[in-house]
């Protein structure tokens, strides 16, 4: 079997602590016909020099230096230089399993697919978490048609909005750039790509390691996080136009996100002035109350939170706090929530990557 060229785009910015681990995991791939595009997005640390050093060691590496423009701009810049038949994105603080590219290429060729997605680990410093709520790790590959794919993308269970963790036909994505100047750029982008897909394959083996930094969304919250809602609103309009059967599911995802973001603004009210934004969010939920209540019909918990919100927007926060406290008191051991934990030790670290 021939080995088609695979372009791997890695945007780099201020990740001096993690970039070597990322690049090494790509260089160690069992699949060798790679074009590794490292995009230094004006990083103020030593990332640019580290990238150049790797380039001098391996001729498959290209290093592109540019002024800082954000993750979307760096990915777009990398795409301009991608020449592979297939393309992958890897974030520079993450890393991939040694067989990831090989498994994805074999699968996309076997099924004549447009996109292949692998499962992934939530990667912490001492352990990995695999989310098995929607599949088993030993399940066979799953094929999705366009309608099934869009449903899975909207409900965000088996198919994720993330650009990483997937192998794409380059021709599929090269004329759809990422939206610049926003957080959660993948939410603005993914549905446009999936709309063009005829065959999508899910692999249930985790091959991508999504690194979880210590700084949390709550601890570093800003109003830029509301780009997530803006992305979902754009996607909802797209779904209404093109996939009307999914309108309720799309509205459910949007309304749920608004409730969550409203709570996050409340939690961070000392450092951000979100009163005007909260008013707009509240108006959206109340003005669309009947439609959202119908969209929440299969989820009594969300319906109840919506009813509490209608009565007073602070009540869902109180409800969730009490619920969490009662769960802690009732159960001495964590519930089996569908997450499989794998501890990283010298004995089971067979990846050859320094964690």
Protein backbone atom coordinates (compact mmCIF):
# COMPACT_ATOMS: atom_id res chain seq x y z
CA UNK A 1 0.00 0.00 0.00
CA UNK A 2 1.28 3.48 -0.85
CA UNK A 3 1.80 5.98 1.95
CA UNK A 4 0.04 9.27 1.11
CA UNK A 5 1.59 12.40 2.53
CA UNK A 6 -0.01 13.64 5.77
CA UNK A 7 0.37 17.29 6.79
CA UNK A 8 0.36 17.91 10.54
CA UNK A 9 -0.17 21.55 11.57
CA UNK A 10 1.00 22.63 15.02
CA UNK A 11 0.34 26.26 16.04
CA UNK A 12 2.88 27.39 18.64
CA UNK A 13 2.52 30.19 21.17
CA UNK A 14 4.01 30.48 24.65
CA UNK A 15 4.27 26.72 25.26
CA UNK A 16 7.97 26.34 25.97
CA UNK A 17 7.21 23.83 28.75
CA UNK A 18 5.21 21.51 26.48
CA UNK A 19 6.33 21.91 22.87
CA UNK A 20 9.12 19.31 22.91
CA UNK A 21 6.75 16.63 24.17
CA UNK A 22 4.33 17.47 21.37
CA UNK A 23 6.90 17.47 18.57
CA UNK A 24 8.60 14.29 19.80
CA UNK A 25 5.29 12.44 19.80
CA UNK A 26 4.85 13.37 16.12
CA UNK A 27 8.40 12.44 15.13
CA UNK A 28 7.98 9.02 16.78
CA UNK A 29 4.99 8.08 14.63
CA UNK A 30 5.12 4.63 13.04
CA UNK A 31 3.81 6.36 9.89
CA UNK A 32 6.77 8.20 8.36
CA UNK A 33 5.48 10.10 5.30
CA UNK A 34 4.76 13.31 7.18
CA UNK A 35 4.90 17.02 6.52
CA UNK A 36 5.17 18.61 9.97
CA UNK A 37 4.28 22.31 9.86
CA UNK A 38 5.23 24.21 13.02
CA UNK A 39 3.70 27.69 13.02
CA UNK A 40 5.43 30.02 15.46
CA UNK A 41 2.69 32.57 16.11
CA UNK A 42 5.00 35.31 17.39
CA UNK A 43 5.72 33.40 20.59
CA UNK A 44 7.60 35.59 23.12
CA UNK A 45 9.44 32.65 24.72
CA UNK A 46 12.00 30.23 23.26
CA UNK A 47 9.49 28.25 21.19
CA UNK A 48 10.76 29.59 17.87
CA UNK A 49 14.33 28.44 18.60
CA UNK A 50 13.12 25.04 19.79
CA UNK A 51 11.15 24.61 16.56
CA UNK A 52 14.17 25.57 14.45
CA UNK A 53 16.33 23.09 16.36
CA UNK A 54 13.91 20.26 15.57
CA UNK A 55 13.79 21.39 11.94
CA UNK A 56 17.58 21.04 11.71
CA UNK A 57 17.26 17.46 12.97
CA UNK A 58 14.44 16.25 10.71
CA UNK A 59 13.86 17.27 7.09
CA UNK A 60 10.11 16.56 7.37
CA UNK A 61 9.68 19.67 9.52
CA UNK A 62 8.80 23.12 8.20
CA UNK A 63 8.92 26.10 10.55
CA UNK A 64 6.85 29.18 9.74
CA UNK A 65 7.39 32.37 11.74
CA UNK A 66 4.70 35.05 11.79
CA UNK A 67 3.39 37.91 13.90
CA UNK A 68 0.97 36.91 16.63
CA UNK A 69 -2.56 36.54 15.29
CA UNK A 70 -4.08 33.89 17.52
CA UNK A 71 -4.73 30.17 17.14
CA UNK A 72 -7.11 30.52 14.19
CA UNK A 73 -4.70 32.68 12.23
CA UNK A 74 -1.83 30.28 12.91
CA UNK A 75 -3.86 27.30 11.70
CA UNK A 76 -4.94 29.19 8.60
CA UNK A 77 -1.33 30.12 7.89
CA UNK A 78 -0.28 26.50 8.25
CA UNK A 79 -3.01 25.40 5.84
CA UNK A 80 -1.60 27.70 3.16
CA UNK A 81 1.58 25.60 3.23
CA UNK A 82 0.01 22.13 3.57
CA UNK A 83 0.66 19.88 0.57
CA UNK A 84 -0.44 16.52 1.97
CA UNK A 85 -3.39 14.50 0.72
CA UNK A 86 -4.57 14.46 4.33
CA UNK A 87 -4.26 16.99 7.15
CA UNK A 88 -4.26 16.83 10.95
CA UNK A 89 -4.16 19.52 13.63
CA UNK A 90 -2.27 19.01 16.89
CA UNK A 91 -2.30 21.63 19.64
CA UNK A 92 1.17 22.36 20.95
CA UNK A 93 0.52 21.41 24.59
CA UNK A 94 -0.98 18.04 23.59
CA UNK A 95 0.64 14.87 22.27
CA UNK A 96 -0.38 11.87 20.18
CA UNK A 97 0.06 8.12 20.43
CA UNK A 98 2.81 6.60 18.25
CA UNK A 99 0.31 4.76 16.03
CA UNK A 100 -2.21 7.57 15.64
CA UNK A 101 -1.38 8.66 12.09
CA UNK A 102 -1.00 5.08 10.87
CA UNK A 103 -4.36 4.02 12.31
CA UNK A 104 -6.18 7.06 10.95
CA UNK A 105 -4.69 6.74 7.46
CA UNK A 106 -5.44 3.01 7.27
CA UNK A 107 -9.02 3.70 8.34
CA UNK A 108 -9.69 6.62 6.00
CA UNK A 109 -8.35 4.59 3.06
CA UNK A 110 -10.19 1.40 4.00
CA UNK A 111 -13.59 3.13 4.32
CA UNK A 112 -12.97 5.70 1.57
CA UNK A 113 -13.95 8.28 4.17
CA UNK A 114 -13.65 12.07 4.25
CA UNK A 115 -12.82 12.39 7.95
CA UNK A 116 -11.71 9.96 10.67
CA UNK A 117 -11.86 10.85 14.36
CA UNK A 118 -10.16 8.92 17.15
CA UNK A 119 -11.18 8.91 20.78
CA UNK A 120 -8.94 10.88 23.12
CA UNK A 121 -7.66 11.02 26.67
CA UNK A 122 -8.09 13.93 29.02
CA UNK A 123 -4.41 14.02 30.00
CA UNK A 124 -3.26 15.09 33.45
CA UNK A 125 0.26 15.05 34.84
CA UNK A 126 -0.13 11.69 36.57
CA UNK A 127 -3.06 10.01 34.83
CA UNK A 128 -5.22 9.84 31.71
CA UNK A 129 -9.03 9.85 31.59
CA UNK A 130 -10.96 8.16 28.78
CA UNK A 131 -14.60 9.19 28.41
CA UNK A 132 -16.53 5.96 27.79
CA UNK A 133 -20.05 7.25 28.41
CA UNK A 134 -20.97 6.92 24.73
CA UNK A 135 -18.88 3.93 23.59
CA UNK A 136 -16.58 1.15 24.80
CA UNK A 137 -12.88 1.32 24.11
CA UNK A 138 -12.96 -2.01 22.26
CA UNK A 139 -15.90 -1.09 19.99
CA UNK A 140 -15.43 -1.54 16.26
CA UNK A 141 -15.15 1.58 14.05
CA UNK A 142 -18.47 3.35 13.51
CA UNK A 143 -19.49 4.80 10.16
CA UNK A 144 -21.75 7.88 10.12
CA UNK A 145 -23.55 9.43 7.18
CA UNK A 146 -24.14 13.19 6.94
CA UNK A 147 -27.40 13.25 8.93
CA UNK A 148 -26.02 11.03 11.70
CA UNK A 149 -22.82 13.06 11.79
CA UNK A 150 -24.58 16.40 12.19
CA UNK A 151 -26.74 15.00 14.99
CA UNK A 152 -23.67 13.73 16.84
CA UNK A 153 -21.90 17.06 16.38
CA UNK A 154 -24.86 19.01 17.75
CA UNK A 155 -25.31 16.83 20.84
CA UNK A 156 -21.49 16.85 21.33
CA UNK A 157 -21.24 13.29 22.53
CA UNK A 158 -19.38 10.98 20.15
CA UNK A 159 -18.38 13.63 17.60
CA UNK A 160 -16.59 16.65 19.05
CA UNK A 161 -16.23 20.19 17.74
CA UNK A 162 -12.46 20.04 18.27
CA UNK A 163 -10.39 20.41 15.10
CA UNK A 164 -7.70 18.17 16.60
CA UNK A 165 -8.05 14.40 16.95
CA UNK A 166 -9.18 13.99 13.34
CA UNK A 167 -7.67 13.23 9.95
CA UNK A 168 -9.23 15.23 7.11
CA UNK A 169 -9.00 15.06 3.36
CA UNK A 170 -7.10 18.28 2.73
CA UNK A 171 -9.34 19.23 -0.18
CA UNK A 172 -12.29 19.18 2.23
CA UNK A 173 -10.96 21.87 4.56
CA UNK A 174 -8.56 24.00 2.55
CA UNK A 175 -11.16 26.58 1.47
CA UNK A 176 -12.85 26.96 4.88
CA UNK A 177 -10.59 29.04 7.17
CA UNK A 178 -10.96 29.29 10.92
CA UNK A 179 -12.64 32.45 12.17
CA UNK A 180 -10.01 34.83 13.48
CA UNK A 181 -10.13 36.83 16.70
CA UNK A 182 -12.39 34.47 18.68
CA UNK A 183 -12.02 31.87 21.40
CA UNK A 184 -13.59 28.46 20.75
CA UNK A 185 -12.80 28.85 17.05
CA UNK A 186 -13.62 25.18 16.45
CA UNK A 187 -17.29 25.79 17.31
CA UNK A 188 -17.51 28.35 14.49
CA UNK A 189 -15.75 25.98 12.05
CA UNK A 190 -16.72 22.34 12.60
CA UNK A 191 -20.30 22.36 11.26
CA UNK A 192 -19.18 23.93 7.98
CA UNK A 193 -16.69 21.09 7.51
CA UNK A 194 -19.07 18.32 8.52
CA UNK A 195 -21.71 19.69 6.16
CA UNK A 196 -19.38 18.71 3.30
CA UNK A 197 -18.67 15.19 4.62
CA UNK A 198 -20.25 12.13 3.04
CA UNK A 199 -18.56 9.45 5.17
CA UNK A 200 -17.23 9.94 8.70
CA UNK A 201 -15.56 7.21 10.75
CA UNK A 202 -15.30 7.05 14.53
CA UNK A 203 -12.44 5.11 16.12
CA UNK A 204 -13.01 4.33 19.78
CA UNK A 205 -9.39 3.81 20.77
CA UNK A 206 -7.92 6.95 22.39
CA UNK A 207 -5.02 8.11 20.23
CA UNK A 208 -4.86 11.81 21.16
CA UNK A 209 -3.86 13.23 24.56
CA UNK A 210 -5.70 16.45 25.40
CA UNK A 211 -3.61 18.07 28.12
CA UNK A 212 -5.50 19.66 31.02
CA UNK A 213 -3.63 22.59 32.46
CA UNK A 214 -4.03 23.59 36.08
CA UNK A 215 -5.63 26.93 35.20
CA UNK A 216 -9.36 26.35 34.91
CA UNK A 217 -12.02 28.16 32.91
CA UNK A 218 -13.60 29.44 36.14
CA UNK A 219 -10.28 30.74 37.47
CA UNK A 220 -9.41 32.56 34.25
CA UNK A 221 -12.87 33.53 33.10
CA UNK A 222 -13.37 36.61 30.94
CA UNK A 223 -16.15 37.84 28.72
CA UNK A 224 -14.19 36.45 25.75
CA UNK A 225 -15.45 33.06 26.90
CA UNK A 226 -18.83 34.14 25.56
CA UNK A 227 -17.44 33.50 22.08
CA UNK A 228 -18.58 29.94 22.77
CA UNK A 229 -22.19 31.11 22.83
CA UNK A 230 -21.66 33.26 19.73
CA UNK A 231 -20.33 30.19 17.94
CA UNK A 232 -23.31 28.11 19.02
CA UNK A 233 -25.70 30.85 17.87
CA UNK A 234 -24.07 30.90 14.44
CA UNK A 235 -24.27 27.12 14.30
CA UNK A 236 -27.91 27.17 15.42
CA UNK A 237 -28.80 29.49 12.54
CA UNK A 238 -26.96 27.14 10.18
CA UNK A 239 -28.85 24.13 11.58
CA UNK A 240 -32.20 25.91 11.23
CA UNK A 241 -31.46 26.55 7.56
CA UNK A 242 -30.00 23.18 6.63
CA UNK A 243 -31.05 20.54 9.17
CA UNK A 244 -34.45 21.55 10.51
CA UNK A 245 -34.99 18.14 12.10
CA UNK A 246 -32.11 18.99 14.48
CA UNK A 247 -33.42 22.43 15.48
CA UNK A 248 -34.61 21.30 18.93
CA UNK A 249 -31.32 19.55 19.72
CA UNK A 250 -29.38 22.61 18.57
CA UNK A 251 -31.51 24.94 20.69
CA UNK A 252 -31.05 22.61 23.64
CA UNK A 253 -27.25 22.82 23.32
CA UNK A 254 -27.37 26.61 22.97
CA UNK A 255 -29.70 27.19 25.92
CA UNK A 256 -27.74 24.81 28.13
CA UNK A 257 -24.55 26.72 27.29
CA UNK A 258 -26.21 30.05 28.13
CA UNK A 259 -27.28 28.73 31.55
CA UNK A 260 -23.73 27.54 32.23
CA UNK A 261 -22.11 30.79 31.07
CA UNK A 262 -24.60 32.84 33.09
CA UNK A 263 -23.50 30.94 36.20
CA UNK A 264 -19.81 31.44 35.36
CA UNK A 265 -20.34 35.19 35.07
CA UNK A 266 -21.99 35.16 38.51
CA UNK A 267 -19.05 33.23 39.96
CA UNK A 268 -16.64 35.82 38.56
CA UNK A 269 -18.69 38.95 39.25
CA UNK A 270 -15.91 40.51 41.35
CA UNK A 271 -13.48 40.76 38.45
CA UNK A 272 -15.77 41.32 35.47
CA UNK A 273 -18.76 43.58 34.95
CA UNK A 274 -21.20 41.26 33.23
CA UNK A 275 -24.50 42.86 34.18
CA UNK A 276 -25.39 43.94 30.64
CA UNK A 277 -24.39 40.56 29.19
CA UNK A 278 -26.39 38.71 31.86
CA UNK A 279 -29.42 40.83 30.97
CA UNK A 280 -29.09 39.86 27.29
CA UNK A 281 -28.72 36.19 28.18
CA UNK A 282 -31.72 36.31 30.48
CA UNK A 283 -33.81 38.02 27.80
CA UNK A 284 -32.86 35.35 25.26
CA UNK A 285 -33.89 32.52 27.58
CA UNK A 286 -37.16 34.19 28.61
CA UNK A 287 -38.09 35.35 25.11
CA UNK A 288 -37.61 31.80 23.82
CA UNK A 289 -38.87 30.12 26.98
CA UNK A 290 -41.55 27.92 25.38
CA UNK A 291 -39.28 26.65 22.61
CA UNK A 292 -36.41 25.97 25.04
CA UNK A 293 -38.72 24.21 27.49
CA UNK A 294 -39.83 21.95 24.65
CA UNK A 295 -36.20 21.32 23.66
CA UNK A 296 -35.48 20.35 27.29
CA UNK A 297 -38.47 17.95 27.37
CA UNK A 298 -36.26 14.85 27.49
CA UNK A 299 -34.17 16.24 30.35
CA UNK A 300 -36.18 17.01 33.52
CA UNK A 301 -33.11 18.43 35.28
CA UNK A 302 -32.60 21.10 32.61
CA UNK A 303 -36.32 21.86 32.53
CA UNK A 304 -36.27 22.39 36.28
CA UNK A 305 -33.23 24.69 36.05
CA UNK A 306 -34.99 26.69 33.34
CA UNK A 307 -38.09 27.06 35.52
CA UNK A 308 -35.94 28.19 38.44
CA UNK A 309 -34.19 30.67 36.16
CA UNK A 310 -37.53 32.12 35.05
CA UNK A 311 -38.52 32.66 38.66
CA UNK A 312 -35.11 34.15 39.59
CA UNK A 313 -31.79 33.80 37.68
CA UNK A 314 -29.81 33.12 40.88
CA UNK A 315 -31.84 30.04 41.81
CA UNK A 316 -30.16 27.56 39.39
CA UNK A 317 -26.79 28.37 41.00
CA UNK A 318 -28.25 27.69 44.44
CA UNK A 319 -29.88 24.49 43.19
CA UNK A 320 -26.64 23.16 41.68
CA UNK A 321 -24.71 23.97 44.86
CA UNK A 322 -27.19 22.10 47.05
CA UNK A 323 -27.28 19.17 44.62
CA UNK A 324 -23.49 18.91 44.64
CA UNK A 325 -23.38 19.02 48.46
CA UNK A 326 -26.03 16.30 48.81
CA UNK A 327 -24.21 14.07 46.34
CA UNK A 328 -21.00 14.49 48.35
CA UNK A 329 -22.76 13.56 51.59
CA UNK A 330 -24.57 10.56 50.09
CA UNK A 331 -21.64 8.85 48.40
CA UNK A 332 -18.35 8.14 50.13
CA UNK A 333 -16.82 6.89 46.88
CA UNK A 334 -17.00 8.57 43.45
CA UNK A 335 -19.79 7.35 41.18
CA UNK A 336 -18.93 5.41 38.04
CA UNK A 337 -19.42 8.29 35.64
CA UNK A 338 -18.11 6.62 32.52
CA UNK A 339 -14.53 7.86 32.87
CA UNK A 340 -11.76 5.26 32.76
CA UNK A 341 -8.64 6.39 34.65
CA UNK A 342 -5.20 5.15 33.61
CA UNK A 343 -2.26 6.08 35.81
CA UNK A 344 0.97 7.10 34.10
CA UNK A 345 3.92 5.25 35.65
CA UNK A 346 7.34 4.23 34.28
CA UNK A 347 5.97 0.68 34.01
CA UNK A 348 3.00 1.49 31.76
CA UNK A 349 4.55 4.44 29.90
CA UNK A 350 5.26 2.64 26.64
CA UNK A 351 4.90 5.71 24.48
CA UNK A 352 8.48 6.86 24.90
CA UNK A 353 7.26 10.39 25.51
CA UNK A 354 8.48 12.36 28.50
CA UNK A 355 5.43 13.45 30.50
